[in-house]
C-alpha cells in the first residue's frame, strides 16, 4: 500500500458535506463525518450543533442516537443531518440497523430510505 492509498483512506474517514437547507431547516449546515469516532456532526459556522452516532462491527452499521443542542432544536437541523448521514451510509455500506427513535421516525416518514434498513 502506497502513501496515496493511505491518504485516500484517511480522506474517506473524514468528510464534509455542504448542502442547501432542507425545506425544514432555517439555514444551511455543514455535515462532517468522522469515521474514526463513528459520528456525523452538523455545524453552523464554527459551532457543532448536532451529531448522529453509530457503531460499525464486522461491516454492520447500527445507528445509535441523534442529539441536537437544545437551543438549536426545532430548526430542521436533525432532518438535514439524518438525510445527509443516511445518503452517505447508503453509498458506503448499503444497509443499516437503527436503534435511534428519531432516525427510525425519519425513515418511516421518508420511504425513499426504506431500502437502507437491514432486515436483521
PDB file of N, CA and C in Angstrom:
ATOM      1  N   UNK A   1       0.852  -1.183   0.000  1.00  0.00           N
ATOM      2  CA  UNK A   1       0.000   0.000   0.000  1.00  0.00           C
ATOM      3  C   UNK A   1       0.888   1.233   0.000  1.00  0.00           C
ATOM      4  N   UNK A   2       0.620   2.160  -0.909  1.00  0.00           N
ATOM      5  CA  UNK A   2       1.421   3.369  -1.029  1.00  0.00           C
ATOM      6  C   UNK A   2       0.876   4.502  -0.180  1.00  0.00           C
ATOM      7  N   UNK A   3       1.619   5.591  -0.136  1.00  0.00           N
ATOM      8  CA  UNK A   3       1.209   6.770   0.626  1.00  0.00           C
ATOM      9  C   UNK A   3      -0.108   7.316   0.091  1.00  0.00           C
ATOM     10  N   UNK A   4      -0.260   7.324  -1.226  1.00  0.00           N
ATOM     11  CA  UNK A   4      -1.504   7.812  -1.825  1.00  0.00           C
ATOM     12  C   UNK A   4      -2.707   7.012  -1.366  1.00  0.00           C
ATOM     13  N   UNK A   5      -2.565   5.677  -1.231  1.00  0.00           N
ATOM     14  CA  UNK A   5      -3.664   4.835  -0.751  1.00  0.00           C
ATOM     15  C   UNK A   5      -4.032   5.191   0.683  1.00  0.00           C
ATOM     16  N   UNK A   6      -3.029   5.405   1.525  1.00  0.00           N
ATOM     17  CA  UNK A   6      -3.284   5.764   2.920  1.00  0.00           C
ATOM     18  C   UNK A   6      -3.988   7.114   3.011  1.00  0.00           C
ATOM     19  N   UNK A   7      -3.573   8.075   2.186  1.00  0.00           N
ATOM     20  CA  UNK A   7      -4.215   9.395   2.200  1.00  0.00           C
ATOM     21  C   UNK A   7      -5.658   9.300   1.732  1.00  0.00           C
ATOM     22  N   UNK A   8      -5.917   8.499   0.699  1.00  0.00           N
ATOM     23  CA  UNK A   8      -7.281   8.338   0.194  1.00  0.00           C
ATOM     24  C   UNK A   8      -8.159   7.701   1.260  1.00  0.00           C
ATOM     25  N   UNK A   9      -7.642   6.696   1.969  1.00  0.00           N
ATOM     26  CA  UNK A   9      -8.409   6.038   3.025  1.00  0.00           C
ATOM     27  C   UNK A   9      -8.703   7.025   4.154  1.00  0.00           C
ATOM     28  N   UNK A  10      -7.715   7.820   4.545  1.00  0.00           N
ATOM     29  CA  UNK A  10      -7.902   8.813   5.606  1.00  0.00           C
ATOM     30  C   UNK A  10      -8.924   9.857   5.185  1.00  0.00           C
ATOM     31  N   UNK A  11      -8.857  10.310   3.947  1.00  0.00           N
ATOM     32  CA  UNK A  11      -9.812  11.311   3.457  1.00  0.00           C
ATOM     33  C   UNK A  11     -11.224  10.763   3.492  1.00  0.00           C
ATOM     34  N   UNK A  12     -11.405   9.470   3.208  1.00  0.00           N
ATOM     35  CA  UNK A  12     -12.748   8.903   3.207  1.00  0.00           C
ATOM     36  C   UNK A  12     -13.287   8.747   4.627  1.00  0.00           C
ATOM     37  N   UNK A  13     -12.425   8.762   5.629  1.00  0.00           N
ATOM     38  CA  UNK A  13     -12.875   8.614   7.010  1.00  0.00           C
ATOM     39  C   UNK A  13     -13.284   9.960   7.612  1.00  0.00           C
ATOM     40  N   UNK A  14     -12.853  11.069   7.004  1.00  0.00           N
ATOM     41  CA  UNK A  14     -13.208  12.403   7.484  1.00  0.00           C
ATOM     42  C   UNK A  14     -13.662  13.222   6.295  1.00  0.00           C
ATOM     43  N   UNK A  15     -14.964  13.428   6.203  1.00  0.00           N
ATOM     44  CA  UNK A  15     -15.525  14.125   5.061  1.00  0.00           C
ATOM     45  C   UNK A  15     -16.445  15.232   5.535  1.00  0.00           C
ATOM     46  N   UNK A  16     -16.631  16.209   4.671  1.00  0.00           N
ATOM     47  CA  UNK A  16     -17.576  17.286   4.951  1.00  0.00           C
ATOM     48  C   UNK A  16     -18.529  17.400   3.777  1.00  0.00           C
ATOM     49  N   UNK A  17     -19.810  17.569   4.087  1.00  0.00           N
ATOM     50  CA  UNK A  17     -20.836  17.688   3.069  1.00  0.00           C
ATOM     51  C   UNK A  17     -21.467  19.061   3.214  1.00  0.00           C
ATOM     52  N   UNK A  18     -21.451  19.853   2.171  1.00  0.00           N
ATOM     53  CA  UNK A  18     -22.160  21.133   2.171  1.00  0.00           C
ATOM     54  C   UNK A  18     -23.424  20.916   1.360  1.00  0.00           C
ATOM     55  N   UNK A  19     -24.545  21.358   1.872  1.00  0.00           N
ATOM     56  CA  UNK A  19     -25.764  21.202   1.105  1.00  0.00           C
ATOM     57  C   UNK A  19     -26.667  22.397   1.318  1.00  0.00           C
ATOM     58  N   UNK A  20     -27.684  22.466   0.495  1.00  0.00           N
ATOM     59  CA  UNK A  20     -28.670  23.523   0.646  1.00  0.00           C
ATOM     60  C   UNK A  20     -29.597  23.160   1.788  1.00  0.00           C
ATOM     61  N   UNK A  21     -30.191  24.132   2.453  1.00  0.00           N
ATOM     62  CA  UNK A  21     -31.088  23.807   3.545  1.00  0.00           C
ATOM     63  C   UNK A  21     -32.272  22.987   3.044  1.00  0.00           C
ATOM     64  N   UNK A  22     -32.724  22.057   3.880  1.00  0.00           N
ATOM     65  CA  UNK A  22     -33.939  21.323   3.534  1.00  0.00           C
ATOM     66  C   UNK A  22     -35.114  22.283   3.697  1.00  0.00           C
ATOM     67  N   UNK A  23     -36.270  21.847   3.298  1.00  0.00           N
ATOM     68  CA  UNK A  23     -37.462  22.685   3.441  1.00  0.00           C
ATOM     69  C   UNK A  23     -37.720  22.994   4.912  1.00  0.00           C
ATOM     70  N   UNK A  24     -37.258  22.097   5.809  1.00  0.00           N
ATOM     71  CA  UNK A  24     -37.494  22.280   7.240  1.00  0.00           C
ATOM     72  C   UNK A  24     -36.428  23.132   7.926  1.00  0.00           C
ATOM     73  N   UNK A  25     -35.238  23.220   7.337  1.00  0.00           N
ATOM     74  CA  UNK A  25     -34.127  23.906   8.002  1.00  0.00           C
ATOM     75  C   UNK A  25     -34.197  25.406   7.767  1.00  0.00           C
ATOM     76  N   UNK A  26     -33.822  26.150   8.801  1.00  0.00           N
ATOM     77  CA  UNK A  26     -33.827  27.607   8.707  1.00  0.00           C
ATOM     78  C   UNK A  26     -32.580  28.141   8.033  1.00  0.00           C
ATOM     79  N   UNK A  27     -31.469  27.391   8.083  1.00  0.00           N
ATOM     80  CA  UNK A  27     -30.233  27.856   7.469  1.00  0.00           C
ATOM     81  C   UNK A  27     -29.387  26.663   7.065  1.00  0.00           C
ATOM     82  N   UNK A  28     -28.414  26.931   6.229  1.00  0.00           N
ATOM     83  CA  UNK A  28     -27.552  25.876   5.720  1.00  0.00           C
ATOM     84  C   UNK A  28     -26.618  25.364   6.810  1.00  0.00           C
ATOM     85  N   UNK A  29     -26.434  24.041   6.818  1.00  0.00           N
ATOM     86  CA  UNK A  29     -25.497  23.436   7.749  1.00  0.00           C
ATOM     87  C   UNK A  29     -24.410  22.729   6.959  1.00  0.00           C
ATOM     88  N   UNK A  30     -23.297  22.519   7.617  1.00  0.00           N
ATOM     89  CA  UNK A  30     -22.240  21.675   7.068  1.00  0.00           C
ATOM     90  C   UNK A  30     -22.284  20.381   7.867  1.00  0.00           C
ATOM     91  N   UNK A  31     -22.275  19.255   7.170  1.00  0.00           N
ATOM     92  CA  UNK A  31     -22.256  17.961   7.841  1.00  0.00           C
ATOM     93  C   UNK A  31     -20.872  17.370   7.649  1.00  0.00           C
ATOM     94  N   UNK A  32     -20.276  16.970   8.755  1.00  0.00           N
ATOM     95  CA  UNK A  32     -18.937  16.375   8.729  1.00  0.00           C
ATOM     96  C   UNK A  32     -19.031  14.941   9.229  1.00  0.00           C
ATOM     97  N   UNK A  33     -18.284  14.067   8.586  1.00  0.00           N
ATOM     98  CA  UNK A  33     -18.224  12.671   9.005  1.00  0.00           C
ATOM     99  C   UNK A  33     -16.836  12.385   9.532  1.00  0.00           C
ATOM    100  N   UNK A  34     -16.768  11.838  10.729  1.00  0.00           N
ATOM    101  CA  UNK A  34     -15.506  11.406  11.317  1.00  0.00           C
ATOM    102  C   UNK A  34     -15.611   9.902  11.540  1.00  0.00           C
ATOM    103  N   UNK A  35     -15.074   9.134  10.608  1.00  0.00           N
ATOM    104  CA  UNK A  35     -15.152   7.681  10.680  1.00  0.00           C
ATOM    105  C   UNK A  35     -14.405   7.094  11.857  1.00  0.00           C
ATOM    106  N   UNK A  36     -13.344   7.760  12.317  1.00  0.00           N
ATOM    107  CA  UNK A  36     -12.605   7.258  13.472  1.00  0.00           C
ATOM    108  C   UNK A  36     -13.458   7.302  14.737  1.00  0.00           C
ATOM    109  N   UNK A  37     -14.272   8.348  14.864  1.00  0.00           N
ATOM    110  CA  UNK A  37     -15.144   8.499  16.041  1.00  0.00           C
ATOM    111  C   UNK A  37     -16.541   7.932  15.798  1.00  0.00           C
ATOM    112  N   UNK A  38     -16.827   7.522  14.544  1.00  0.00           N
ATOM    113  CA  UNK A  38     -18.133   6.988  14.148  1.00  0.00           C
ATOM    114  C   UNK A  38     -19.244   7.995  14.458  1.00  0.00           C
ATOM    115  N   UNK A  39     -19.077   9.193  13.906  1.00  0.00           N
ATOM    116  CA  UNK A  39     -20.042  10.261  14.150  1.00  0.00           C
ATOM    117  C   UNK A  39     -20.183  11.139  12.903  1.00  0.00           C
ATOM    118  N   UNK A  40     -21.424  11.538  12.651  1.00  0.00           N
ATOM    119  CA  UNK A  40     -21.721  12.600  11.690  1.00  0.00           C
ATOM    120  C   UNK A  40     -22.108  13.800  12.545  1.00  0.00           C
ATOM    121  N   UNK A  41     -21.568  14.971  12.240  1.00  0.00           N
ATOM    122  CA  UNK A  41     -21.888  16.156  13.030  1.00  0.00           C
ATOM    123  C   UNK A  41     -22.368  17.281  12.128  1.00  0.00           C
ATOM    124  N   UNK A  42     -23.282  18.091  12.662  1.00  0.00           N
ATOM    125  CA  UNK A  42     -23.831  19.241  11.944  1.00  0.00           C
ATOM    126  C   UNK A  42     -23.226  20.506  12.529  1.00  0.00           C
ATOM    127  N   UNK A  43     -22.796  21.384  11.646  1.00  0.00           N
ATOM    128  CA  UNK A  43     -22.118  22.610  12.042  1.00  0.00           C
ATOM    129  C   UNK A  43     -22.805  23.819  11.438  1.00  0.00           C
ATOM    130  N   UNK A  44     -22.972  24.849  12.247  1.00  0.00           N
ATOM    131  CA  UNK A  44     -23.384  26.181  11.789  1.00  0.00           C
ATOM    132  C   UNK A  44     -22.175  27.071  12.027  1.00  0.00           C
ATOM    133  N   UNK A  45     -21.492  27.412  10.950  1.00  0.00           N
ATOM    134  CA  UNK A  45     -20.245  28.158  11.111  1.00  0.00           C
ATOM    135  C   UNK A  45     -19.233  27.302  11.844  1.00  0.00           C
ATOM    136  N   UNK A  46     -18.704  27.818  12.955  1.00  0.00           N
ATOM    137  CA  UNK A  46     -17.719  27.054  13.718  1.00  0.00           C
ATOM    138  C   UNK A  46     -18.316  26.399  14.962  1.00  0.00           C
ATOM    139  N   UNK A  47     -19.642  26.263  14.997  1.00  0.00           N
ATOM    140  CA  UNK A  47     -20.337  25.705  16.148  1.00  0.00           C
ATOM    141  C   UNK A  47     -20.974  24.361  15.801  1.00  0.00           C
ATOM    142  N   UNK A  48     -20.576  23.303  16.514  1.00  0.00           N
ATOM    143  CA  UNK A  48     -21.193  21.997  16.334  1.00  0.00           C
ATOM    144  C   UNK A  48     -22.528  21.996  17.070  1.00  0.00           C
ATOM    145  N   UNK A  49     -23.620  21.739  16.333  1.00  0.00           N
ATOM    146  CA  UNK A  49     -24.957  21.863  16.926  1.00  0.00           C
ATOM    147  C   UNK A  49     -25.713  20.546  17.009  1.00  0.00           C
ATOM    148  N   UNK A  50     -25.217  19.495  16.354  1.00  0.00           N
ATOM    149  CA  UNK A  50     -25.903  18.204  16.400  1.00  0.00           C
ATOM    150  C   UNK A  50     -24.943  17.100  15.996  1.00  0.00           C
ATOM    151  N   UNK A  51     -25.287  15.870  16.408  1.00  0.00           N
ATOM    152  CA  UNK A  51     -24.489  14.733  15.985  1.00  0.00           C
ATOM    153  C   UNK A  51     -25.344  13.488  15.884  1.00  0.00           C
ATOM    154  N   UNK A  52     -24.930  12.600  14.994  1.00  0.00           N
ATOM    155  CA  UNK A  52     -25.536  11.298  14.828  1.00  0.00           C
ATOM    156  C   UNK A  52     -24.422  10.289  15.047  1.00  0.00           C
ATOM    157  N   UNK A  53     -24.609   9.413  16.026  1.00  0.00           N
ATOM    158  CA  UNK A  53     -23.578   8.425  16.360  1.00  0.00           C
ATOM    159  C   UNK A  53     -24.006   7.051  15.885  1.00  0.00           C
ATOM    160  N   UNK A  54     -23.016   6.282  15.460  1.00  0.00           N
ATOM    161  CA  UNK A  54     -23.267   4.921  15.001  1.00  0.00           C
ATOM    162  C   UNK A  54     -22.119   4.027  15.441  1.00  0.00           C
ATOM    163  N   UNK A  55     -22.312   2.730  15.326  1.00  0.00           N
ATOM    164  CA  UNK A  55     -21.233   1.774  15.534  1.00  0.00           C
ATOM    165  C   UNK A  55     -21.117   0.930  14.275  1.00  0.00           C
ATOM    166  N   UNK A  56     -19.926   0.411  14.067  1.00  0.00           N
ATOM    167  CA  UNK A  56     -19.684  -0.440  12.899  1.00  0.00           C
ATOM    168  C   UNK A  56     -18.848  -1.619  13.361  1.00  0.00           C
ATOM    169  N   UNK A  57     -19.418  -2.811  13.227  1.00  0.00           N
ATOM    170  CA  UNK A  57     -18.730  -4.021  13.635  1.00  0.00           C
ATOM    171  C   UNK A  57     -18.921  -5.067  12.545  1.00  0.00           C
ATOM    172  N   UNK A  58     -17.834  -5.573  12.035  1.00  0.00           N
ATOM    173  CA  UNK A  58     -17.907  -6.606  11.015  1.00  0.00           C
ATOM    174  C   UNK A  58     -18.695  -6.189   9.788  1.00  0.00           C
ATOM    175  N   UNK A  59     -18.605  -4.911   9.416  1.00  0.00           N
ATOM    176  CA  UNK A  59     -19.315  -4.415   8.251  1.00  0.00           C
ATOM    177  C   UNK A  59     -20.774  -4.080   8.505  1.00  0.00           C
ATOM    178  N   UNK A  60     -21.256  -4.296   9.716  1.00  0.00           N
ATOM    179  CA  UNK A  60     -22.646  -3.976  10.069  1.00  0.00           C
ATOM    180  C   UNK A  60     -22.671  -2.636  10.798  1.00  0.00           C
ATOM    181  N   UNK A  61     -23.513  -1.726  10.317  1.00  0.00           N
ATOM    182  CA  UNK A  61     -23.631  -0.393  10.902  1.00  0.00           C
ATOM    183  C   UNK A  61     -24.941  -0.302  11.668  1.00  0.00           C
ATOM    184  N   UNK A  62     -24.849   0.188  12.906  1.00  0.00           N
ATOM    185  CA  UNK A  62     -26.031   0.416  13.736  1.00  0.00           C
ATOM    186  C   UNK A  62     -26.069   1.889  14.114  1.00  0.00           C
ATOM    187  N   UNK A  63     -27.145   2.589  13.707  1.00  0.00           N
ATOM    188  CA  UNK A  63     -27.318   3.994  14.074  1.00  0.00           C
ATOM    189  C   UNK A  63     -27.843   4.014  15.503  1.00  0.00           C
ATOM    190  N   UNK A  64     -27.074   4.583  16.417  1.00  0.00           N
ATOM    191  CA  UNK A  64     -27.366   4.526  17.854  1.00  0.00           C
ATOM    192  C   UNK A  64     -28.206   5.695  18.356  1.00  0.00           C
ATOM    193  N   UNK A  65     -27.771   6.936  18.051  1.00  0.00           N
ATOM    194  CA  UNK A  65     -28.506   8.082  18.602  1.00  0.00           C
ATOM    195  C   UNK A  65     -28.215   9.351  17.817  1.00  0.00           C
ATOM    196  N   UNK A  66     -29.159  10.271  17.930  1.00  0.00           N
ATOM    197  CA  UNK A  66     -29.016  11.599  17.338  1.00  0.00           C
ATOM    198  C   UNK A  66     -29.300  12.610  18.435  1.00  0.00           C
ATOM    199  N   UNK A  67     -28.445  13.597  18.558  1.00  0.00           N
ATOM    200  CA  UNK A  67     -28.657  14.647  19.556  1.00  0.00           C
ATOM    201  C   UNK A  67     -28.492  16.009  18.899  1.00  0.00           C
ATOM    202  N   UNK A  68     -29.290  16.966  19.371  1.00  0.00           N
ATOM    203  CA  UNK A  68     -29.206  18.351  18.912  1.00  0.00           C
ATOM    204  C   UNK A  68     -29.084  19.226  20.155  1.00  0.00           C
ATOM    205  N   UNK A  69     -28.178  20.182  20.127  1.00  0.00           N
ATOM    206  CA  UNK A  69     -28.038  21.134  21.236  1.00  0.00           C
ATOM    207  C   UNK A  69     -29.413  21.775  21.456  1.00  0.00           C
ATOM    208  N   UNK A  70     -29.905  21.795  22.707  1.00  0.00           N
ATOM    209  CA  UNK A  70     -31.283  22.236  22.973  1.00  0.00           C
ATOM    210  C   UNK A  70     -31.690  23.550  22.315  1.00  0.00           C
ATOM    211  N   UNK A  71     -30.848  24.554  22.354  1.00  0.00           N
ATOM    212  CA  UNK A  71     -31.266  25.846  21.784  1.00  0.00           C
ATOM    213  C   UNK A  71     -31.342  25.843  20.256  1.00  0.00           C
ATOM    214  N   UNK A  72     -30.916  24.733  19.608  1.00  0.00           N
ATOM    215  CA  UNK A  72     -30.993  24.632  18.150  1.00  0.00           C
ATOM    216  C   UNK A  72     -32.060  23.640  17.687  1.00  0.00           C
ATOM    217  N   UNK A  73     -32.821  23.105  18.622  1.00  0.00           N
ATOM    218  CA  UNK A  73     -33.882  22.166  18.258  1.00  0.00           C
ATOM    219  C   UNK A  73     -35.034  22.892  17.580  1.00  0.00           C
ATOM    220  N   UNK A  74     -35.773  22.162  16.747  1.00  0.00           N
ATOM    221  CA  UNK A  74     -36.930  22.726  16.077  1.00  0.00           C
ATOM    222  C   UNK A  74     -36.600  23.544  14.839  1.00  0.00           C
ATOM    223  N   UNK A  75     -35.377  23.468  14.359  1.00  0.00           N
ATOM    224  CA  UNK A  75     -34.952  24.248  13.186  1.00  0.00           C
ATOM    225  C   UNK A  75     -34.711  23.376  11.956  1.00  0.00           C
ATOM    226  N   UNK A  76     -34.988  22.089  12.046  1.00  0.00           N
ATOM    227  CA  UNK A  76     -34.773  21.197  10.914  1.00  0.00           C
ATOM    228  C   UNK A  76     -33.349  20.696  10.775  1.00  0.00           C
ATOM    229  N   UNK A  77     -32.508  20.965  11.764  1.00  0.00           N
ATOM    230  CA  UNK A  77     -31.103  20.557  11.707  1.00  0.00           C
ATOM    231  C   UNK A  77     -30.982  19.043  11.750  1.00  0.00           C
ATOM    232  N   UNK A  78     -31.738  18.397  12.633  1.00  0.00           N
ATOM    233  CA  UNK A  78     -31.687  16.933  12.726  1.00  0.00           C
ATOM    234  C   UNK A  78     -32.120  16.297  11.411  1.00  0.00           C
ATOM    235  N   UNK A  79     -33.132  16.856  10.774  1.00  0.00           N
ATOM    236  CA  UNK A  79     -33.607  16.328   9.495  1.00  0.00           C
ATOM    237  C   UNK A  79     -32.507  16.375   8.448  1.00  0.00           C
ATOM    238  N   UNK A  80     -31.828  17.505   8.327  1.00  0.00           N
ATOM    239  CA  UNK A  80     -30.720  17.631   7.370  1.00  0.00           C
ATOM    240  C   UNK A  80     -29.588  16.667   7.713  1.00  0.00           C
ATOM    241  N   UNK A  81     -29.232  16.607   8.984  1.00  0.00           N
ATOM    242  CA  UNK A  81     -28.139  15.733   9.420  1.00  0.00           C
ATOM    243  C   UNK A  81     -28.466  14.278   9.108  1.00  0.00           C
ATOM    244  N   UNK A  82     -29.661  13.839   9.462  1.00  0.00           N
ATOM    245  CA  UNK A  82     -30.052  12.442   9.238  1.00  0.00           C
ATOM    246  C   UNK A  82     -30.055  12.122   7.747  1.00  0.00           C
ATOM    247  N   UNK A  83     -30.631  12.994   6.929  1.00  0.00           N
ATOM    248  CA  UNK A  83     -30.676  12.749   5.482  1.00  0.00           C
ATOM    249  C   UNK A  83     -29.269  12.632   4.898  1.00  0.00           C
ATOM    250  N   UNK A  84     -28.382  13.553   5.262  1.00  0.00           N
ATOM    251  CA  UNK A  84     -27.015  13.512   4.735  1.00  0.00           C
ATOM    252  C   UNK A  84     -26.275  12.270   5.215  1.00  0.00           C
ATOM    253  N   UNK A  85     -26.444  11.919   6.498  1.00  0.00           N
ATOM    254  CA  UNK A  85     -25.778  10.731   7.036  1.00  0.00           C
ATOM    255  C   UNK A  85     -26.287   9.467   6.345  1.00  0.00           C
ATOM    256  N   UNK A  86     -27.603   9.342   6.180  1.00  0.00           N
ATOM    257  CA  UNK A  86     -28.151   8.152   5.530  1.00  0.00           C
ATOM    258  C   UNK A  86     -27.725   8.063   4.069  1.00  0.00           C
ATOM    259  N   UNK A  87     -27.672   9.199   3.378  1.00  0.00           N
ATOM    260  CA  UNK A  87     -27.194   9.190   1.991  1.00  0.00           C
ATOM    261  C   UNK A  87     -25.757   8.692   1.924  1.00  0.00           C
ATOM    262  N   UNK A  88     -24.927   9.144   2.849  1.00  0.00           N
ATOM    263  CA  UNK A  88     -23.533   8.711   2.865  1.00  0.00           C
ATOM    264  C   UNK A  88     -23.421   7.238   3.257  1.00  0.00           C
ATOM    265  N   UNK A  89     -24.196   6.811   4.242  1.00  0.00           N
ATOM    266  CA  UNK A  89     -24.155   5.407   4.644  1.00  0.00           C
ATOM    267  C   UNK A  89     -24.630   4.500   3.512  1.00  0.00           C
ATOM    268  N   UNK A  90     -25.623   4.931   2.758  1.00  0.00           N
ATOM    269  CA  UNK A  90     -26.072   4.154   1.594  1.00  0.00           C
ATOM    270  C   UNK A  90     -24.903   3.960   0.626  1.00  0.00           C
ATOM    271  N   UNK A  91     -24.175   5.014   0.385  1.00  0.00           N
ATOM    272  CA  UNK A  91     -23.045   4.957  -0.544  1.00  0.00           C
ATOM    273  C   UNK A  91     -21.918   4.083   0.003  1.00  0.00           C
ATOM    274  N   UNK A  92     -21.651   4.190   1.303  1.00  0.00           N
ATOM    275  CA  UNK A  92     -20.509   3.486   1.896  1.00  0.00           C
ATOM    276  C   UNK A  92     -20.779   2.033   2.255  1.00  0.00           C
ATOM    277  N   UNK A  93     -21.936   1.749   2.873  1.00  0.00           N
ATOM    278  CA  UNK A  93     -22.157   0.391   3.400  1.00  0.00           C
ATOM    279  C   UNK A  93     -23.424  -0.283   2.892  1.00  0.00           C
ATOM    280  N   UNK A  94     -24.343   0.449   2.361  1.00  0.00           N
ATOM    281  CA  UNK A  94     -25.540  -0.160   1.783  1.00  0.00           C
ATOM    282  C   UNK A  94     -26.718  -0.292   2.724  1.00  0.00           C
ATOM    283  N   UNK A  95     -26.539  -0.935   3.863  1.00  0.00           N
ATOM    284  CA  UNK A  95     -27.661  -1.163   4.784  1.00  0.00           C
ATOM    285  C   UNK A  95     -27.257  -0.810   6.217  1.00  0.00           C
ATOM    286  N   UNK A  96     -28.265  -0.415   7.007  1.00  0.00           N
ATOM    287  CA  UNK A  96     -28.022  -0.066   8.406  1.00  0.00           C
ATOM    288  C   UNK A  96     -29.137  -0.627   9.283  1.00  0.00           C
ATOM    289  N   UNK A  97     -28.811  -0.821  10.547  1.00  0.00           N
ATOM    290  CA  UNK A  97     -29.803  -1.107  11.564  1.00  0.00           C
ATOM    291  C   UNK A  97     -29.993   0.181  12.355  1.00  0.00           C
ATOM    292  N   UNK A  98     -31.193   0.389  12.880  1.00  0.00           N
ATOM    293  CA  UNK A  98     -31.488   1.657  13.548  1.00  0.00           C
ATOM    294  C   UNK A  98     -32.019   1.404  14.954  1.00  0.00           C
ATOM    295  N   UNK A  99     -31.337   1.981  15.939  1.00  0.00           N
ATOM    296  CA  UNK A  99     -31.812   1.989  17.323  1.00  0.00           C
ATOM    297  C   UNK A  99     -32.359   3.361  17.707  1.00  0.00           C
ATOM    298  N   UNK A 100     -31.916   4.394  17.027  1.00  0.00           N
ATOM    299  CA  UNK A 100     -32.308   5.762  17.346  1.00  0.00           C
ATOM    300  C   UNK A 100     -33.763   6.003  16.930  1.00  0.00           C
ATOM    301  N   UNK A 101     -34.642   6.363  17.879  1.00  0.00           N
ATOM    302  CA  UNK A 101     -36.046   6.581  17.520  1.00  0.00           C
ATOM    303  C   UNK A 101     -36.255   7.743  16.553  1.00  0.00           C
ATOM    304  N   UNK A 102     -35.413   8.762  16.614  1.00  0.00           N
ATOM    305  CA  UNK A 102     -35.543   9.897  15.702  1.00  0.00           C
ATOM    306  C   UNK A 102     -35.227   9.480  14.266  1.00  0.00           C
ATOM    307  N   UNK A 103     -34.188   8.691  14.085  1.00  0.00           N
ATOM    308  CA  UNK A 103     -33.834   8.204  12.748  1.00  0.00           C
ATOM    309  C   UNK A 103     -34.902   7.232  12.247  1.00  0.00           C
ATOM    310  N   UNK A 104     -35.411   6.383  13.126  1.00  0.00           N
ATOM    311  CA  UNK A 104     -36.475   5.453  12.735  1.00  0.00           C
ATOM    312  C   UNK A 104     -37.713   6.219  12.263  1.00  0.00           C
ATOM    313  N   UNK A 105     -38.095   7.263  12.982  1.00  0.00           N
ATOM    314  CA  UNK A 105     -39.256   8.077  12.586  1.00  0.00           C
ATOM    315  C   UNK A 105     -38.994   8.779  11.252  1.00  0.00           C
ATOM    316  N   UNK A 106     -37.766   9.283  11.068  1.00  0.00           N
ATOM    317  CA  UNK A 106     -37.397   9.932   9.811  1.00  0.00           C
ATOM    318  C   UNK A 106     -37.533   8.946   8.651  1.00  0.00           C
ATOM    319  N   UNK A 107     -37.048   7.724   8.841  1.00  0.00           N
ATOM    320  CA  UNK A 107     -37.096   6.731   7.771  1.00  0.00           C
ATOM    321  C   UNK A 107     -38.534   6.314   7.464  1.00  0.00           C
ATOM    322  N   UNK A 108     -39.382   6.259   8.475  1.00  0.00           N
ATOM    323  CA  UNK A 108     -40.792   5.940   8.257  1.00  0.00           C
ATOM    324  C   UNK A 108     -41.462   7.044   7.451  1.00  0.00           C
ATOM    325  N   UNK A 109     -41.129   8.284   7.756  1.00  0.00           N
ATOM    326  CA  UNK A 109     -41.728   9.429   7.067  1.00  0.00           C
ATOM    327  C   UNK A 109     -41.137   9.661   5.674  1.00  0.00           C
ATOM    328  N   UNK A 110     -40.005   9.053   5.389  1.00  0.00           N
ATOM    329  CA  UNK A 110     -39.313   9.240   4.106  1.00  0.00           C
ATOM    330  C   UNK A 110     -39.020   7.865   3.495  1.00  0.00           C
ATOM    331  N   UNK A 111     -40.010   7.278   2.828  1.00  0.00           N
ATOM    332  CA  UNK A 111     -39.873   5.900   2.343  1.00  0.00           C
ATOM    333  C   UNK A 111     -38.731   5.688   1.344  1.00  0.00           C
ATOM    334  N   UNK A 112     -38.162   6.748   0.808  1.00  0.00           N
ATOM    335  CA  UNK A 112     -37.022   6.585  -0.098  1.00  0.00           C
ATOM    336  C   UNK A 112     -35.800   6.013   0.618  1.00  0.00           C
ATOM    337  N   UNK A 113     -35.844   5.954   1.956  1.00  0.00           N
ATOM    338  CA  UNK A 113     -34.748   5.377   2.732  1.00  0.00           C
ATOM    339  C   UNK A 113     -35.042   3.957   3.192  1.00  0.00           C
ATOM    340  N   UNK A 114     -36.200   3.400   2.850  1.00  0.00           N
ATOM    341  CA  UNK A 114     -36.589   2.067   3.315  1.00  0.00           C
ATOM    342  C   UNK A 114     -35.593   0.990   2.877  1.00  0.00           C
ATOM    343  N   UNK A 115     -34.972   1.154   1.719  1.00  0.00           N
ATOM    344  CA  UNK A 115     -34.027   0.159   1.221  1.00  0.00           C
ATOM    345  C   UNK A 115     -32.767   0.078   2.072  1.00  0.00           C
ATOM    346  N   UNK A 116     -32.534   1.067   2.918  1.00  0.00           N
ATOM    347  CA  UNK A 116     -31.349   1.076   3.777  1.00  0.00           C
ATOM    348  C   UNK A 116     -31.475   0.159   4.984  1.00  0.00           C
ATOM    349  N   UNK A 117     -32.703  -0.160   5.388  1.00  0.00           N
ATOM    350  CA  UNK A 117     -32.908  -0.931   6.609  1.00  0.00           C
ATOM    351  C   UNK A 117     -32.419  -2.360   6.447  1.00  0.00           C
ATOM    352  N   UNK A 118     -31.549  -2.757   7.349  1.00  0.00           N
ATOM    353  CA  UNK A 118     -31.040  -4.124   7.392  1.00  0.00           C
ATOM    354  C   UNK A 118     -32.150  -5.004   7.966  1.00  0.00           C
ATOM    355  N   UNK A 119     -32.545  -6.062   7.276  1.00  0.00           N
ATOM    356  CA  UNK A 119     -33.645  -6.897   7.774  1.00  0.00           C
ATOM    357  C   UNK A 119     -33.307  -7.665   9.046  1.00  0.00           C
ATOM    358  N   UNK A 120     -32.045  -7.749   9.409  1.00  0.00           N
ATOM    359  CA  UNK A 120     -31.674  -8.497  10.624  1.00  0.00           C
ATOM    360  C   UNK A 120     -31.689  -7.635  11.856  1.00  0.00           C
TER     361      UNK A 120
END
